């Protein structure tokens, strides 16, 4: 399941809804991404995330389907926000549930790595020096690359 929304989300409520009625779930792994107040040594007052509706949901759906293909998952949830967010605000939630912890851990890490590099979001940071678009980072590409060719568990 995926959602792209302006509104904040309640992590505990999302976990409860995803795990409800699934007695086969033995592991729930979550990742919550937050807006930082500093990036590349500069203060950040806010971040605005933009996306292309329709294209974004299709790409997030493809990433979730790839995770389901690679690991024995009971359920997956990705919630990604857009709009203007301030330091400390939640940006993204990834939840992977499985009968076993290793699959849930690996799937959640995969989701985060691929979201960072394959999800079509554009980020603009507001700094005291003015606003700037956030460029792709080589470290994110390297993290995502580790999943290429890796066999499912």
Protein backbone atom coordinates (compact mmCIF):
# COMPACT_ATOMS: atom_id res chain seq x y z
CA UNK A 1 0.00 0.00 0.00
CA UNK A 2 1.25 3.48 -0.79
CA UNK A 3 0.05 6.99 0.00
CA UNK A 4 1.39 10.35 -1.13
CA UNK A 5 -0.08 13.11 0.99
CA UNK A 6 0.40 16.56 2.52
CA UNK A 7 -0.90 15.50 5.92
CA UNK A 8 1.23 14.11 8.73
CA UNK A 9 0.80 10.48 9.76
CA UNK A 10 0.62 8.64 13.09
CA UNK A 11 3.28 5.93 13.13
CA UNK A 12 1.64 3.86 15.89
CA UNK A 13 -1.74 3.97 14.19
CA UNK A 14 -0.22 2.95 10.84
CA UNK A 15 1.56 -0.02 12.43
CA UNK A 16 -1.59 -1.13 14.24
CA UNK A 17 -3.68 -0.96 11.06
CA UNK A 18 -1.08 -2.83 9.00
CA UNK A 19 -0.62 -5.66 11.51
CA UNK A 20 -4.29 -6.01 12.51
CA UNK A 21 -5.79 -9.36 11.59
CA UNK A 22 -2.48 -10.79 10.43
CA UNK A 23 -1.51 -13.45 13.00
CA UNK A 24 1.27 -14.70 10.69
CA UNK A 25 3.22 -11.45 11.26
CA UNK A 26 6.25 -12.10 13.44
CA UNK A 27 8.14 -8.89 12.63
CA UNK A 28 7.25 -5.29 11.92
CA UNK A 29 10.13 -3.07 10.82
CA UNK A 30 9.65 0.66 10.38
CA UNK A 31 11.64 3.59 9.11
CA UNK A 32 10.62 7.20 9.65
CA UNK A 33 12.49 9.91 7.77
CA UNK A 34 12.55 13.41 9.27
CA UNK A 35 13.50 16.86 8.00
CA UNK A 36 16.91 17.86 9.40
CA UNK A 37 17.82 21.38 10.44
CA UNK A 38 21.21 21.21 8.76
CA UNK A 39 22.42 19.88 5.40
CA UNK A 40 25.89 20.10 3.91
CA UNK A 41 26.93 22.34 6.79
CA UNK A 42 24.14 24.87 6.21
CA UNK A 43 21.15 25.64 8.41
CA UNK A 44 17.85 24.53 6.91
CA UNK A 45 14.68 26.37 7.91
CA UNK A 46 12.30 24.28 5.78
CA UNK A 47 12.14 21.86 2.90
CA UNK A 48 9.55 21.80 0.14
CA UNK A 49 8.92 18.51 -1.62
CA UNK A 50 7.26 18.48 -5.01
CA UNK A 51 6.12 15.53 -7.09
CA UNK A 52 4.28 14.67 -10.27
CA UNK A 53 0.93 13.08 -9.24
CA UNK A 54 0.29 9.78 -10.95
CA UNK A 55 3.91 9.21 -11.92
CA UNK A 56 4.97 9.28 -8.26
CA UNK A 57 2.38 6.74 -7.17
CA UNK A 58 3.23 4.42 -10.07
CA UNK A 59 6.93 4.48 -9.21
CA UNK A 60 6.32 3.94 -5.48
CA UNK A 61 4.02 1.06 -6.37
CA UNK A 62 6.73 -0.50 -8.53
CA UNK A 63 9.25 -0.22 -5.67
CA UNK A 64 6.81 -1.89 -3.25
CA UNK A 65 6.10 -4.67 -5.76
CA UNK A 66 9.84 -5.27 -6.17
CA UNK A 67 10.21 -5.61 -2.39
CA UNK A 68 7.33 -8.11 -2.32
CA UNK A 69 8.97 -10.08 -5.12
CA UNK A 70 12.29 -10.26 -3.27
CA UNK A 71 11.12 -11.06 0.28
CA UNK A 72 8.28 -13.07 1.86
CA UNK A 73 6.30 -10.09 3.15
CA UNK A 74 2.85 -10.05 4.68
CA UNK A 75 2.31 -6.35 4.09
CA UNK A 76 4.13 -3.18 3.06
CA UNK A 77 3.22 0.45 3.61
CA UNK A 78 4.94 3.53 2.22
CA UNK A 79 3.62 6.97 3.14
CA UNK A 80 5.47 9.92 1.59
CA UNK A 81 4.60 13.53 2.25
CA UNK A 82 4.94 16.52 -0.03
CA UNK A 83 4.62 20.27 0.45
CA UNK A 84 6.48 22.55 2.84
CA UNK A 85 7.93 20.77 5.88
CA UNK A 86 10.00 22.14 8.75
CA UNK A 87 12.85 20.54 10.72
CA UNK A 88 11.55 17.67 12.83
CA UNK A 89 8.54 17.03 10.56
CA UNK A 90 8.05 13.49 9.28
CA UNK A 91 8.67 13.05 5.55
CA UNK A 92 8.37 9.33 4.91
CA UNK A 93 7.23 6.14 6.61
CA UNK A 94 8.18 2.67 5.40
CA UNK A 95 6.79 -0.42 7.11
CA UNK A 96 7.54 -4.02 6.16
CA UNK A 97 5.89 -6.96 7.92
CA UNK A 98 6.90 -10.59 7.61
CA UNK A 99 6.83 -13.84 9.51
CA UNK A 100 10.54 -13.42 10.18
CA UNK A 101 12.64 -10.40 11.17
CA UNK A 102 15.43 -10.73 8.60
CA UNK A 103 13.06 -10.41 5.65
CA UNK A 104 11.33 -7.43 7.25
CA UNK A 105 14.66 -5.69 8.05
CA UNK A 106 16.07 -6.23 4.56
CA UNK A 107 12.86 -5.23 2.80
CA UNK A 108 12.56 -2.03 4.82
CA UNK A 109 16.20 -1.09 4.08
CA UNK A 110 15.62 -1.82 0.39
CA UNK A 111 12.49 0.35 0.32
CA UNK A 112 14.30 3.30 1.87
CA UNK A 113 17.34 2.97 -0.39
CA UNK A 114 15.27 2.74 -3.56
CA UNK A 115 12.87 5.51 -2.51
CA UNK A 116 15.85 7.82 -2.07
CA UNK A 117 17.06 7.20 -5.61
CA UNK A 118 14.04 6.13 -7.69
CA UNK A 119 11.04 8.00 -6.28
CA UNK A 120 10.28 11.13 -8.33
CA UNK A 121 10.36 13.83 -5.68
CA UNK A 122 12.11 17.17 -5.99
CA UNK A 123 13.36 18.84 -2.82
CA UNK A 124 14.08 22.52 -2.25
CA UNK A 125 15.73 23.62 0.99
CA UNK A 126 15.28 27.05 2.53
CA UNK A 127 18.55 28.29 4.04
CA UNK A 128 19.69 31.69 5.36
CA UNK A 129 21.58 32.04 2.05
CA UNK A 130 18.38 31.46 0.04
CA UNK A 131 16.59 28.44 -1.36
CA UNK A 132 18.34 25.68 -3.29
CA UNK A 133 17.35 22.48 -5.01
CA UNK A 134 18.77 19.34 -3.41
CA UNK A 135 20.95 17.37 -5.81
CA UNK A 136 21.21 13.59 -5.86
CA UNK A 137 23.94 12.25 -3.60
CA UNK A 138 26.50 9.65 -4.61
CA UNK A 139 26.13 8.02 -1.18
CA UNK A 140 22.42 7.39 -1.84
CA UNK A 141 23.22 5.88 -5.23
CA UNK A 142 25.82 3.61 -3.61
CA UNK A 143 23.32 2.48 -0.97
CA UNK A 144 20.74 1.61 -3.64
CA UNK A 145 23.32 -0.13 -5.81
CA UNK A 146 23.88 -2.82 -3.18
CA UNK A 147 20.44 -4.26 -4.00
CA UNK A 148 21.13 -4.82 -7.70
CA UNK A 149 21.55 -8.49 -8.37
CA UNK A 150 20.94 -9.45 -4.74
CA UNK A 151 18.84 -12.62 -4.47
CA UNK A 152 15.72 -12.68 -2.32
CA UNK A 153 15.87 -14.39 1.08
